[in-house]
Each structure stands twice: as structure tokens, then as C-alpha cells.
Amino acid sequence: MKLAAALLSSALALLPLAALAQSKPLIYCADASPEGFDPGLWDSASTNIVNSQMFDGLLGFKRPTTELQPKLATSWEISPDAKSFTFKLRTGVKFHSTPWFKPTRDFNADDVVFTFSRFIDPNHPFNKAFPATFVYPQNLGLAKLIDGIDKVDEHTVRFRLKQPNVTFVANFAFAWAGIHSAEYAAQLLKQGKASQINVQPVGTGPYQFKSYAKDDVLRMTANPDYWGGKQPTRMLVFSISREPNVRVQKIAAGECHVTAALRDVDVATLAGNPNISIQKIQALNISYLSFNLKKPPTDKREVREALDIAIDRDAIFKALFPRGDATQAVSAFPPSIPGYNKSLKNEFNPAKAKAMLAKAGFPNGFEIDLWALPVQRPTNPNGQLMAQLIQQDWAKIGVKASIKTFEWGEYLKRANNGEHNVYMSGWSGETGDADDFLTPNLSCAANKSGVKFCNAEFEKLIDEARATPDQKKRIAMYEKAQEIFKRERPWITMAHSTVYIPVRKDVVGFKMAPNGSVDFEGVYRK
């Protein structure tokens, strides 16, 4: 299958220089600080949003759809057996020129090979100098999947897989697959400063890094050499505003022009403001509580099921989603995705839960830690309130939950280390494919420590589904996999939500994405 690139002509390139010189700064009120600026290291939404302004991948998603479009690759070809993926690379693309790096050549195949070799080769010289965990590539099992990366010529790269994978091409559009400069990496290696790749980024994206004050403000400037054309916004500012009510106040006052997604309760506050429009999308997302499957007592399946069915989701939804625009999550991905198993149901039965605990050896209950999400997400707008309501439900079956939380980066680090019993998490998909939810979160590759889910029967089904081009067979496999998921209960599934993003009416060109993320390429204030 060969997909020819559409011509990416841009009106931005035609903007007069005088108009660019007078462009207004664009301020985005972000809900959390970025964890770093090396895209492959991180998989949180807040960090991905930052890095996707500065880094391009080979492909992208055509907003507001899940359709793939060319970026640093102009076209791509997939072999009939879905084991070989060949990309023709765009010529004339410049890397950012910064005070810490001046490129001497254009983007080419070496940069693609360098970027992805880090993900799959622990003995890569750069990985030796800067040991790192590439969260998303690791969870996908890229090292196990990719057989080789070939530089066919300066502007052609081929990825060879060990087994067929019909979903593989979409990975090249994700934020973690942003392309680094191999020349910059070589410079850092020579200087003994490899870790600076996560502090002083160099990409090819529409904006480039200027400065960052942690937990305060990130400043980016327009990339003057961007292959997609001159940006009409010269200064892009991310104002870190953790409190949702502060973000609401700031956009109402015109102190920011776009914000992170609103909570349900904030939509009405801004709906009547004549200077603000509220964009919305039925997002491909889920919130859930993830059990530690290694630490007692949540290592027992019966305990996990008891804790799940003791929760009164109806009461939680009345408190957290008063507008009624969220739906209760039953499975690991939303009902709109092909392969969703409609036969599965949630259950609320405290008496049965108490009996299950007694049978599991806990007639008097137990004490447990419950980690509350420290950031606001459309699928979990108030982690503390959700935790308190769950705490009350669990108390009724004899389980005493101690609510804990941490700063966002610390929260993620500690959860990955398995310090929790139960922690709140979530996921946003971009492709509209079930694999986009299952493999990164529920495969054995995502479970190096034993803390998360790893089930041989489930693994076999999702592996076979990825390798099967027959859609009917894939759907049947995903339906069966969800039955195993529901039986084993690695998660307490909570919500799928509509995502609302407020935008000042003088902002032009902003479009939401199915995962609720933001992209400021071509966006400006009139």
C-alpha cells in the first residue's frame, strides 16, 4: 500500500514580514509542568503537548480526525505482510538553530535512525552516556518488535518488524516519536553532556525552545526556518497554572488565550462570556484506578473485584460530572472503538463485595493506600473528591483507605516504581484503534516490574489481533481479550468524557484533536 503525500501548501508562508513582526504573543494556560523535553522519555499528556510544538514526527494526525498525514515523511509504503514500513523523507528541513547548537546540515535518514535506535538498543552509545527509560516505546515492546532500521539512502528509511503489525504505522504520528538531530546528539556526546538533550531541545517543529522556569512559565519562539511556513505567532507562552479555577479566571480576564481542558463544573462559568468560545470533542479517553498486582492485598483477583463492585459510580458521576457529558467506563477503551465488547457490565454490590473479601481471607477488611490524581483531567476533574467518595464506599465493606497524593512528576515516578496499592490514572488514544489502548497499558511489555497487568491468554489475543488484517477476526479477538480484562480486574474503570477547551475569540486556526491535545502550528491572534 502506497500513500502519496498531499501537497502541504501553507497560507502562512504568504504572510507579509511586517505582519509577522507585529504578531501578538499567544499564551496557553497549561495544567502541569513538563517533565522534560526529550519526547521519547515521557508519556503524560501535559509533556506531550509541550514537545509536539517543538518536534515533528515522520507522520501526524489531521486534526480533528484520526487520519494520518505526512510530516517529516512525504510518503510511506507498507509491505503486504505488514512487516516492512518504508518512508520517503522530506528534503530541505532545517533543525532549530539555537545558542547551544548550530546545525550544519538538513534533516535526513541519520536523524530517524538515531532517534529510533535509542528506543530499541540499550547498548547505543547515547544510551550508555544518558541511561533512560523510554516509557511508551518500552510499553509497546518496540525492542522486541523491530528487527532492524535501514538507511536505504539519505532520504529513505525502512523499518523491518519481526512479526506483522497492522497498527504499527500510526506510532510515527505520536508525540514520543518526535525526531531528534543526530548531529546535535553527537555534539552532546563529544562534550560529555548527553543528558542536556532533555533540557535544551532541538527539533524541527514550528516552535523552538527559548526558556523555562519550572512550575511557572515556558517560552517558545517561532522557528524561522520551519518547513511548513512562517508562523504567524512569534512568541508562544505556556503559563503553568495548576489550579483549574485559576485557569478559568485567567482566560476570562484575557491573561491567556487557550487553556487546558475544562472541568465539567467550569463550562457554565465561561459559556456566557462573549469573548470566549468553547470547543468540544467526544474524546477517545478513559480514566481508571490501577491496582498494584505485585503488592498484597491487591495481588488477589477477588480483592480487586470486591473493591471494584463496592464503588457507587452513579454517586461519583453526579458529583464529578454534573453536566452529564461523561459516560461510565466498563471496558479498557470507549464504546466508539471497533471491537468494544457490549456484553460487559459494571456492578455495584457492597454485600457481595464484603462476602468476597471474607472468602479471600479478609473478613474484617484491611488498610490500603489510595492515590488521588494531582492534576485535573476531563475524565477525572477532581482526584481528591473521587478519592474521598471511593474511601467512603470502601469503608462500608471494612476497607480503610488512606488517601495520598504527590506533585505530578513525583506521582508518576513513584507509581512506576510500584509504591502504591491503588493509583488513579488515565489514557487518551489518537488512532481510534483498540490496540492504542491495550498494548501501551496492558501488555506484558508495559509490565517490566510485575506491578501492572501481564496475562498470557490476554497477551496472545492482542498480539494476534495486531498481526491480523482481517477486521472481523480482529474484533472477535478484542472482544475476547476484554472478557479476560474484566475477569482479572487490573483496573477499576471510571469514565469516558467529552473534552472542552475554551478559546478566546481573537484566536484563529485552533483545532482540537480526538485526544484533547493542543497544537499551535498556524494558530494566531488577530
Protein backbone atom coordinates (compact mmCIF):
# COMPACT_ATOMS: atom_id res chain seq x y z
CA MET A 1 0.00 0.00 0.00
CA LYS A 2 1.48 3.30 -1.05
CA LEU A 3 0.22 6.60 0.32
CA ALA A 4 1.29 9.62 -1.66
CA ALA A 5 1.66 12.84 0.24
CA ALA A 6 -0.72 15.70 -0.23
CA LEU A 7 0.95 18.97 -1.10
CA LEU A 8 1.27 20.96 2.10
CA SER A 9 0.93 24.48 0.75
CA SER A 10 0.55 26.96 3.57
CA ALA A 11 -1.04 30.35 3.64
CA LEU A 12 1.37 31.15 6.44
CA ALA A 13 4.26 31.27 4.02
CA LEU A 14 2.50 34.12 2.21
CA LEU A 15 2.14 36.31 5.29
CA PRO A 16 3.99 39.61 4.89
CA LEU A 17 7.02 40.01 7.13
CA ALA A 18 5.55 43.19 8.60
CA ALA A 19 2.52 41.24 9.82
CA LEU A 20 4.78 38.63 11.40
CA ALA A 21 6.84 41.27 13.12
CA GLN A 22 3.72 42.69 14.74
CA SER A 23 2.18 39.35 15.74
CA LYS A 24 0.71 39.08 19.20
CA PRO A 25 2.05 36.55 21.71
CA LEU A 26 -0.15 33.51 22.24
CA ILE A 27 -0.50 32.32 25.83
CA TYR A 28 -1.67 28.84 26.77
CA CYS A 29 -2.60 28.09 30.39
CA ALA A 30 -1.23 24.59 30.97
CA ASP A 31 -2.37 22.34 33.82
CA ALA A 32 1.03 20.85 34.72
CA SER A 33 4.74 21.37 34.20
CA PRO A 34 6.52 19.37 31.51
CA GLU A 35 8.63 16.53 32.89
CA GLY A 36 11.32 17.19 30.30
CA PHE A 37 11.95 17.98 26.65
CA ASP A 38 13.10 14.64 25.22
CA PRO A 39 9.84 13.31 23.69
CA GLY A 40 10.68 9.61 23.97
CA LEU A 41 11.17 9.77 27.73
CA TRP A 42 7.64 10.79 28.62
CA ASP A 43 4.04 9.75 28.04
CA SER A 44 1.98 12.23 30.09
CA ALA A 45 -0.41 14.44 28.14
CA SER A 46 0.98 17.70 29.54
CA THR A 47 4.54 16.88 28.47
CA ASN A 48 3.47 15.56 25.07
CA ILE A 49 1.65 18.81 24.34
CA VAL A 50 4.81 20.82 25.02
CA ASN A 51 7.12 18.63 22.97
CA SER A 52 4.78 18.36 19.99
CA GLN A 53 5.19 22.13 19.44
CA MET A 54 8.97 21.72 19.09
CA PHE A 55 9.34 18.29 17.49
CA ASP A 56 7.89 16.81 14.31
CA GLY A 57 7.40 13.11 13.68
CA LEU A 58 7.50 11.36 10.35
CA LEU A 59 3.70 11.49 10.33
CA GLY A 60 0.97 13.44 12.07
CA PHE A 61 -2.77 13.34 12.64
CA LYS A 62 -5.02 15.58 10.56
CA ARG A 63 -6.99 17.48 13.19
CA PRO A 64 -9.68 16.94 14.28
CA THR A 65 -9.58 13.36 12.90
CA THR A 66 -7.55 10.19 13.36
CA GLU A 67 -6.41 10.34 9.72
CA LEU A 68 -2.65 10.10 9.21
CA GLN A 69 -0.90 12.82 7.21
CA PRO A 70 2.69 13.47 6.06
CA LYS A 71 5.08 15.45 8.24
CA LEU A 72 8.83 14.74 8.01
CA ALA A 73 7.98 11.85 5.70
CA THR A 74 6.31 12.80 2.41
CA SER A 75 5.02 9.30 1.70
CA TRP A 76 5.14 5.80 3.10
CA GLU A 77 4.76 2.25 1.87
CA ILE A 78 3.65 -0.78 3.86
CA SER A 79 4.54 -4.26 2.62
CA PRO A 80 1.64 -6.69 2.00
CA ASP A 81 2.70 -8.78 5.02
CA ALA A 82 2.73 -5.66 7.29
CA LYS A 83 6.33 -6.38 8.32
CA SER A 84 8.14 -3.66 6.36
CA PHE A 85 7.47 0.09 6.51
CA THR A 86 9.37 2.39 4.15
CA PHE A 87 9.35 6.19 4.46
CA LYS A 88 10.41 8.79 1.91
CA LEU A 89 11.76 11.76 3.85
CA ARG A 90 11.12 15.42 3.24
CA THR A 91 14.07 17.37 1.84
CA GLY A 92 15.19 20.84 2.88
CA VAL A 93 14.03 20.52 6.51
CA LYS A 94 16.09 22.57 8.98
CA PHE A 95 16.72 21.74 12.62
CA HIS A 96 16.42 24.57 15.13
CA SER A 97 19.37 26.91 15.30
CA THR A 98 19.89 27.82 18.96
CA PRO A 99 22.56 29.34 21.23
CA TRP A 100 23.63 25.76 22.11
CA PHE A 101 23.50 24.20 18.63
CA LYS A 102 24.03 25.39 15.05
CA PRO A 103 23.13 22.67 12.51
CA THR A 104 25.47 22.21 9.54
CA ARG A 105 23.12 20.00 7.52
CA ASP A 106 19.43 19.41 6.83
CA PHE A 107 17.31 16.63 8.32
CA ASN A 108 18.00 13.22 6.80
CA ALA A 109 17.79 9.47 7.40
CA ASP A 110 20.57 9.55 10.02
CA ASP A 111 18.28 11.51 12.34
CA VAL A 112 15.49 8.94 12.05
CA VAL A 113 17.88 6.05 12.64
CA PHE A 114 19.39 7.79 15.68
CA THR A 115 16.01 8.63 17.22
CA PHE A 116 14.61 5.11 16.98
CA SER A 117 17.86 3.28 17.70
CA ARG A 118 17.80 4.80 21.19
CA PHE A 119 14.41 3.14 21.76
CA ILE A 120 15.49 -0.36 20.82
CA ASP A 121 19.23 -0.66 21.56
CA PRO A 122 20.27 -0.40 25.23
CA ASN A 123 23.92 -0.53 24.09
CA HIS A 124 23.58 2.51 21.85
CA PRO A 125 26.44 4.94 22.75
CA PHE A 126 23.96 7.67 23.64
CA ASN A 127 22.07 5.34 25.98
CA LYS A 128 25.36 4.47 27.68
CA ALA A 129 26.06 8.15 28.23
CA PHE A 130 22.50 9.03 29.24
CA PRO A 131 20.68 5.95 30.58
CA ALA A 132 16.95 6.50 30.20
CA THR A 133 13.62 4.71 30.25
CA PHE A 134 11.58 5.36 27.13
CA VAL A 135 8.16 4.78 28.61
CA TYR A 136 5.91 4.49 25.58
CA PRO A 137 8.39 2.60 23.33
CA GLN A 138 9.03 0.20 26.22
CA ASN A 139 5.31 -0.33 26.81
CA LEU A 140 4.86 -1.07 23.11
CA GLY A 141 7.67 -3.61 23.20
CA LEU A 142 9.49 -1.85 20.34
CA ALA A 143 12.81 -3.56 21.07
CA LYS A 144 11.14 -6.95 20.71
CA LEU A 145 9.11 -5.90 17.67
CA ILE A 146 11.66 -4.13 15.45
CA ASP A 147 14.09 -6.41 13.61
CA GLY A 148 16.07 -3.59 12.04
CA ILE A 149 16.14 0.02 10.84
CA ASP A 150 17.72 0.53 7.43
CA LYS A 151 19.05 3.75 5.98
CA VAL A 152 18.20 2.99 2.36
CA ASP A 153 19.60 6.35 1.23
CA GLU A 154 19.84 9.90 2.58
CA HIS A 155 16.07 10.36 2.34
CA THR A 156 14.66 6.85 2.66
CA VAL A 157 14.30 4.77 5.82
CA ARG A 158 12.91 1.25 6.22
CA PHE A 159 11.67 -0.35 9.44
CA ARG A 160 11.63 -4.17 9.47
CA LEU A 161 9.47 -5.99 12.01
CA LYS A 162 9.84 -9.48 13.43
CA GLN A 163 6.11 -10.10 13.11
CA PRO A 164 3.26 -8.41 11.22
CA ASN A 165 1.69 -5.37 12.84
CA VAL A 166 -1.18 -3.65 11.04
CA THR A 167 -1.27 -0.80 13.59
CA PHE A 168 2.46 0.00 13.55
CA VAL A 169 2.45 2.95 11.15
CA ALA A 170 0.35 5.13 13.49
CA ASN A 171 3.20 5.15 16.02
CA PHE A 172 5.12 7.56 13.80
CA ALA A 173 2.47 10.24 14.46
CA PHE A 174 2.66 10.11 18.25
CA ALA A 175 4.43 12.78 20.31
CA TRP A 176 7.04 10.32 21.65
CA ALA A 177 8.25 9.69 18.07
CA GLY A 178 9.46 13.27 17.54
CA ILE A 179 12.72 13.26 15.56
CA HIS A 180 16.00 14.37 17.16
CA SER A 181 19.07 15.72 15.41
CA ALA A 182 21.78 13.05 15.26
CA GLU A 183 24.31 15.85 14.73
CA TYR A 184 23.22 17.58 17.96
CA ALA A 185 23.37 14.26 19.83
CA ALA A 186 26.92 13.67 18.57
CA GLN A 187 27.90 17.15 19.78
CA LEU A 188 26.45 16.46 23.24
CA LEU A 189 28.19 13.09 23.38
CA LYS A 190 31.53 14.67 22.49
CA GLN A 191 31.04 17.33 25.18
CA GLY A 192 30.04 14.78 27.81
CA LYS A 193 26.64 16.44 28.14
CA ALA A 194 24.26 13.79 26.77
CA SER A 195 21.59 14.48 29.41
CA GLN A 196 21.18 18.03 28.04
CA ILE A 197 19.05 16.53 25.26
CA ASN A 198 16.24 16.53 27.82
CA VAL A 199 16.91 20.12 28.94
CA GLN A 200 17.90 22.03 25.80
CA PRO A 201 15.80 20.54 22.99
CA VAL A 202 16.48 20.74 19.27
CA GLY A 203 13.74 19.65 16.90
CA THR A 204 12.30 20.66 13.54
CA GLY A 205 8.88 21.80 14.79
CA PRO A 206 7.12 25.12 14.26
CA TYR A 207 8.36 26.48 17.60
CA GLN A 208 11.72 26.28 19.32
CA PHE A 209 12.72 26.41 22.96
CA LYS A 210 13.64 29.79 24.45
CA SER A 211 13.43 29.50 28.26
CA TYR A 212 11.75 27.61 31.08
CA ALA A 213 11.13 28.47 34.73
CA LYS A 214 9.91 25.29 36.43
CA ASP A 215 6.27 25.36 37.57
CA ASP A 216 5.94 28.89 36.20
CA VAL A 217 6.41 29.63 32.52
CA LEU A 218 7.79 28.08 29.32
CA ARG A 219 8.61 30.37 26.41
CA MET A 220 8.98 29.27 22.80
CA THR A 221 9.67 31.32 19.68
CA ALA A 222 8.64 30.69 16.10
CA ASN A 223 11.08 28.57 14.13
CA PRO A 224 12.19 30.98 11.34
CA ASP A 225 13.17 28.07 9.09
CA TYR A 226 10.10 25.89 9.58
CA TRP A 227 9.44 23.71 6.53
CA GLY A 228 5.68 24.27 6.89
CA GLY A 229 5.98 28.04 6.52
CA LYS A 230 6.46 31.08 8.71
CA GLN A 231 4.40 31.01 11.88
CA PRO A 232 2.03 33.95 12.36
CA THR A 233 2.68 33.80 16.13
CA ARG A 234 6.25 34.75 17.05
CA MET A 235 6.05 34.06 20.79
CA LEU A 236 4.24 31.04 22.25
CA VAL A 237 4.00 31.05 26.05
CA PHE A 238 2.90 28.18 28.30
CA SER A 239 1.79 29.62 31.64
CA ILE A 240 1.80 26.78 34.19
CA SER A 241 -1.47 27.15 36.11
CA ARG A 242 -2.22 24.02 38.11
CA GLU A 243 -5.48 25.17 39.69
CA PRO A 244 -8.43 24.87 37.29
CA ASN A 245 -10.25 27.87 38.78
CA VAL A 246 -7.11 29.98 38.18
CA ARG A 247 -7.10 28.96 34.51
CA VAL A 248 -10.77 29.90 34.24
CA GLN A 249 -10.08 33.32 35.78
CA LYS A 250 -7.09 33.91 33.53
CA ILE A 251 -8.86 33.17 30.27
CA ALA A 252 -11.88 35.20 31.36
CA ALA A 253 -9.56 38.15 32.00
CA GLY A 254 -7.67 37.66 28.73
CA GLU A 255 -4.44 36.69 30.51
CA CYS A 256 -4.31 33.50 28.45
CA HIS A 257 -5.93 32.74 25.13
CA VAL A 258 -6.36 28.96 25.25
CA THR A 259 -6.36 26.74 28.34
CA ALA A 260 -6.05 23.10 29.24
CA ALA A 261 -9.36 21.26 29.17
CA LEU A 262 -12.10 22.49 31.49
CA ARG A 263 -13.75 20.58 34.30
CA ASP A 264 -17.45 19.91 33.85
CA VAL A 265 -18.29 22.44 36.56
CA ASP A 266 -16.33 25.22 34.80
CA VAL A 267 -18.10 25.01 31.45
CA ALA A 268 -21.13 27.01 32.63
CA THR A 269 -18.87 29.68 34.15
CA LEU A 270 -17.38 30.53 30.76
CA ALA A 271 -20.29 29.63 28.49
CA GLY A 272 -21.83 33.11 28.70
CA ASN A 273 -18.60 35.03 28.16
CA PRO A 274 -18.90 36.89 24.81
CA ASN A 275 -15.12 36.86 24.34
CA ILE A 276 -14.73 33.09 24.63
CA SER A 277 -15.82 30.15 22.51
CA ILE A 278 -15.78 26.66 23.98
CA GLN A 279 -14.67 23.91 21.62
CA LYS A 280 -15.64 20.36 22.47
CA ILE A 281 -14.93 16.87 21.19
CA GLN A 282 -16.07 13.41 22.24
CA ALA A 283 -12.59 12.23 23.05
CA LEU A 284 -11.03 8.79 22.85
CA ASN A 285 -10.17 8.65 26.53
CA ILE A 286 -10.58 6.79 29.80
CA SER A 287 -9.90 7.32 33.49
CA TYR A 288 -9.30 4.37 35.78
CA LEU A 289 -7.77 3.22 39.05
CA SER A 290 -4.86 0.87 38.55
CA PHE A 291 -4.10 -1.85 41.06
CA ASN A 292 -0.63 -2.90 42.13
CA LEU A 293 -0.72 -6.57 41.12
CA LYS A 294 2.51 -7.35 42.97
CA LYS A 295 1.72 -5.96 46.44
CA PRO A 296 -0.79 -7.59 48.84
CA PRO A 297 -3.72 -7.45 49.15
CA THR A 298 -4.39 -6.18 45.59
CA ASP A 299 -2.38 -9.06 44.15
CA LYS A 300 -5.53 -11.18 44.74
CA ARG A 301 -8.11 -11.10 41.95
CA GLU A 302 -11.03 -11.48 44.38
CA VAL A 303 -9.88 -8.44 46.33
CA ARG A 304 -9.66 -6.35 43.15
CA GLU A 305 -13.15 -7.36 42.09
CA ALA A 306 -14.55 -6.66 45.57
CA LEU A 307 -13.04 -3.18 45.62
CA ASP A 308 -14.47 -2.53 42.15
CA ILE A 309 -18.04 -3.61 42.84
CA ALA A 310 -18.09 -1.72 46.17
CA ILE A 311 -17.88 1.61 44.31
CA ASP A 312 -21.08 3.57 43.65
CA ARG A 313 -20.26 5.01 40.24
CA ASP A 314 -23.68 6.71 39.94
CA ALA A 315 -22.98 8.83 43.02
CA ILE A 316 -19.46 9.67 41.81
CA PHE A 317 -20.75 10.78 38.42
CA LYS A 318 -23.38 13.06 39.98
CA ALA A 319 -20.62 14.79 41.96
CA LEU A 320 -17.88 14.93 39.31
CA PHE A 321 -19.82 15.21 36.06
CA PRO A 322 -22.93 17.31 36.82
CA ARG A 323 -23.46 18.21 33.14
CA GLY A 324 -23.91 14.52 32.28
CA ASP A 325 -21.42 14.62 29.41
CA ALA A 326 -19.30 11.72 30.68
CA THR A 327 -20.12 8.03 30.38
CA GLN A 328 -19.19 5.27 32.77
CA ALA A 329 -16.28 3.20 31.53
CA VAL A 330 -16.89 -0.55 31.53
CA SER A 331 -14.00 -1.77 29.40
CA ALA A 332 -10.45 -0.63 28.70
CA PHE A 333 -11.45 1.63 25.80
CA PRO A 334 -14.51 3.66 24.71
CA PRO A 335 -17.60 2.13 23.06
CA SER A 336 -16.97 4.07 19.82
CA ILE A 337 -13.86 1.98 19.05
CA PRO A 338 -14.31 -1.16 16.88
CA GLY A 339 -14.02 -4.32 18.97
CA TYR A 340 -15.75 -2.92 22.05
CA ASN A 341 -17.48 -5.72 23.95
CA LYS A 342 -21.06 -4.59 24.57
CA SER A 343 -21.91 -7.58 26.75
CA LEU A 344 -19.73 -6.41 29.65
CA LYS A 345 -21.30 -4.53 32.56
CA ASN A 346 -20.25 -2.71 35.73
CA GLU A 347 -21.68 -3.89 39.03
CA PHE A 348 -22.45 -2.17 42.33
CA ASN A 349 -22.98 -4.71 45.11
CA PRO A 350 -21.42 -3.91 48.53
CA ALA A 351 -22.87 -7.03 50.19
CA LYS A 352 -21.31 -9.27 47.57
CA ALA A 353 -18.05 -7.31 47.85
CA LYS A 354 -17.90 -7.87 51.60
CA ALA A 355 -18.55 -11.59 51.14
CA MET A 356 -15.79 -11.80 48.51
CA LEU A 357 -13.32 -10.17 50.90
CA ALA A 358 -14.23 -12.68 53.61
CA LYS A 359 -13.71 -15.54 51.17
CA ALA A 360 -10.34 -14.05 50.17
CA GLY A 361 -9.25 -14.11 53.81
CA PHE A 362 -10.20 -10.59 54.87
CA PRO A 363 -13.43 -10.87 56.91
CA ASN A 364 -12.52 -7.72 58.83
CA GLY A 365 -11.25 -5.81 55.81
CA PHE A 366 -7.79 -4.22 55.68
CA GLU A 367 -5.95 -0.92 55.32
CA ILE A 368 -4.86 0.31 51.91
CA ASP A 369 -3.35 3.37 50.20
CA LEU A 370 -5.45 5.19 47.59
CA TRP A 371 -3.57 7.71 45.46
CA ALA A 372 -5.54 10.74 44.27
CA LEU A 373 -4.72 12.24 40.87
CA PRO A 374 -2.89 15.55 41.49
CA VAL A 375 -3.86 17.10 38.13
CA GLN A 376 -7.27 17.76 36.63
CA ARG A 377 -8.30 15.77 33.59
CA PRO A 378 -11.62 15.78 31.69
CA THR A 379 -12.14 12.15 32.73
CA ASN A 380 -11.16 12.89 36.34
CA PRO A 381 -11.79 16.57 37.12
CA ASN A 382 -11.22 16.24 40.87
CA GLY A 383 -8.97 13.42 42.05
CA GLN A 384 -9.33 14.31 45.71
CA LEU A 385 -13.13 14.26 45.60
CA MET A 386 -13.16 10.99 43.67
CA ALA A 387 -10.79 9.51 46.27
CA GLN A 388 -12.98 10.68 49.16
CA LEU A 389 -16.12 9.18 47.63
CA ILE A 390 -14.34 5.87 46.99
CA GLN A 391 -12.92 5.98 50.52
CA GLN A 392 -16.48 6.20 51.88
CA ASP A 393 -17.67 3.30 49.71
CA TRP A 394 -14.76 1.10 50.75
CA ALA A 395 -15.29 1.90 54.43
CA LYS A 396 -18.73 0.26 54.12
CA ILE A 397 -17.07 -3.09 53.34
CA GLY A 398 -14.44 -2.73 56.06
CA VAL A 399 -11.62 -1.35 53.92
CA LYS A 400 -9.84 1.67 55.41
CA ALA A 401 -8.29 3.73 52.62
CA SER A 402 -5.57 6.28 53.31
CA ILE A 403 -5.61 8.97 50.61
CA LYS A 404 -2.21 10.11 49.33
CA THR A 405 -1.01 12.33 46.54
CA PHE A 406 2.19 13.91 45.25
CA GLU A 407 3.37 16.53 42.79
CA TRP A 408 2.63 15.26 39.26
CA GLY A 409 6.16 14.25 38.25
CA GLU A 410 6.76 12.61 41.64
CA TYR A 411 3.37 10.89 41.45
CA LEU A 412 4.24 9.29 38.10
CA LYS A 413 7.73 8.26 39.24
CA ARG A 414 6.50 6.65 42.46
CA ALA A 415 3.64 4.85 40.69
CA ASN A 416 6.05 3.44 38.10
CA ASN A 417 8.18 2.20 41.00
CA GLY A 418 5.19 0.35 42.41
CA GLU A 419 4.93 2.23 45.70
CA HIS A 420 1.11 2.34 45.53
CA ASN A 421 -1.70 -0.08 46.25
CA VAL A 422 -4.16 1.74 44.00
CA TYR A 423 -3.49 4.87 41.96
CA MET A 424 -5.59 6.98 39.62
CA SER A 425 -4.55 7.19 36.01
CA GLY A 426 -5.97 7.67 32.55
CA TRP A 427 -5.27 7.40 28.85
CA SER A 428 -6.11 9.23 25.65
CA GLY A 429 -5.96 7.48 22.31
CA GLU A 430 -5.39 9.07 18.92
CA THR A 431 -5.88 6.37 16.31
CA GLY A 432 -9.36 5.07 17.05
CA ASP A 433 -7.92 1.55 17.27
CA ALA A 434 -8.28 -0.75 20.26
CA ASP A 435 -4.57 -1.53 20.19
CA ASP A 436 -3.82 2.11 21.01
CA PHE A 437 -5.33 1.46 24.47
CA LEU A 438 -4.43 -2.17 25.10
CA THR A 439 -0.79 -2.61 24.12
CA PRO A 440 0.74 0.51 25.77
CA ASN A 441 -1.12 -0.12 29.04
CA LEU A 442 -1.99 -3.80 29.43
CA SER A 443 0.64 -5.80 27.56
CA CYS A 444 3.45 -7.66 29.29
CA ALA A 445 5.93 -5.22 27.72
CA ALA A 446 4.30 -2.49 29.83
CA ASN A 447 4.88 -4.58 32.96
CA LYS A 448 8.61 -4.90 33.48
CA SER A 449 8.27 -4.71 37.26
CA GLY A 450 5.27 -7.00 37.80
CA VAL A 451 3.24 -4.10 39.17
CA LYS A 452 0.92 -3.92 36.17
CA PHE A 453 -1.13 -6.43 34.21
CA CYS A 454 0.51 -9.30 32.35
CA ASN A 455 -1.71 -12.21 31.33
CA ALA A 456 -0.57 -14.84 28.81
CA GLU A 457 -4.07 -15.50 27.43
CA PHE A 458 -4.77 -11.77 27.02
CA GLU A 459 -1.30 -11.19 25.52
CA LYS A 460 -1.79 -13.88 22.88
CA LEU A 461 -5.07 -12.31 21.75
CA ILE A 462 -3.77 -8.76 21.39
CA ASP A 463 -0.58 -9.99 19.68
CA GLU A 464 -2.63 -11.94 17.14
CA ALA A 465 -5.04 -9.03 16.66
CA ARG A 466 -2.17 -6.67 15.81
CA ALA A 467 -0.94 -9.11 13.17
CA THR A 468 -4.36 -9.73 11.61
CA PRO A 469 -5.54 -7.55 8.70
CA ASP A 470 -8.99 -9.22 8.76
CA GLN A 471 -11.15 -6.71 10.68
CA LYS A 472 -13.80 -9.25 11.70
CA LYS A 473 -11.18 -11.54 13.24
CA ARG A 474 -9.50 -8.61 15.00
CA ILE A 475 -12.81 -7.52 16.53
CA ALA A 476 -13.52 -11.03 17.81
CA MET A 477 -10.07 -11.17 19.42
CA TYR A 478 -10.52 -7.81 21.12
CA GLU A 479 -13.94 -8.81 22.44
CA LYS A 480 -12.44 -11.95 23.97
CA ALA A 481 -9.47 -10.00 25.38
CA GLN A 482 -11.87 -7.63 27.14
CA GLU A 483 -13.60 -10.55 28.84
CA ILE A 484 -10.23 -11.54 30.32
CA PHE A 485 -9.57 -7.94 31.31
CA LYS A 486 -12.93 -7.71 33.10
CA ARG A 487 -12.40 -11.06 34.82
CA GLU A 488 -8.92 -10.19 36.10
CA ARG A 489 -9.74 -6.54 37.05
CA PRO A 490 -6.33 -4.88 36.77
CA TRP A 491 -8.25 -1.59 36.66
CA ILE A 492 -11.34 -0.06 38.15
CA THR A 493 -12.68 1.60 35.02
CA MET A 494 -14.24 5.01 35.65
CA ALA A 495 -15.09 7.44 32.85
CA HIS A 496 -15.01 8.41 29.19
CA SER A 497 -15.59 12.11 28.74
CA THR A 498 -16.29 14.94 26.40
CA VAL A 499 -13.37 17.38 26.35
CA TYR A 500 -13.99 21.13 26.49
CA ILE A 501 -11.28 23.66 25.64
CA PRO A 502 -12.01 27.39 25.97
CA VAL A 503 -10.52 29.67 23.31
CA ARG A 504 -10.54 33.46 23.20
CA LYS A 505 -12.45 34.67 20.15
CA ASP A 506 -9.49 36.58 18.74
CA VAL A 507 -7.65 33.25 18.29
CA VAL A 508 -7.62 31.99 14.70
CA GLY A 509 -6.90 28.47 13.41
CA PHE A 510 -7.14 26.43 16.61
CA LYS A 511 -8.49 22.86 16.23
CA MET A 512 -8.91 20.20 18.87
CA ALA A 513 -7.71 16.63 18.49
CA PRO A 514 -9.51 13.38 19.44
CA ASN A 515 -7.19 13.01 22.44
CA GLY A 516 -7.93 16.55 23.63
CA SER A 517 -4.38 17.77 22.98
CA VAL A 518 -3.48 21.14 21.50
CA ASP A 519 -1.33 22.13 18.55
CA PHE A 520 -0.39 25.74 17.84
CA GLU A 521 1.03 25.38 14.34
CA GLY A 522 -0.61 28.09 12.23
CA VAL A 523 -2.59 29.47 15.19
CA TYR A 524 -2.53 33.21 15.89
CA ARG A 525 -4.40 36.11 17.46
CA LYS A 526 -5.99 38.62 15.14
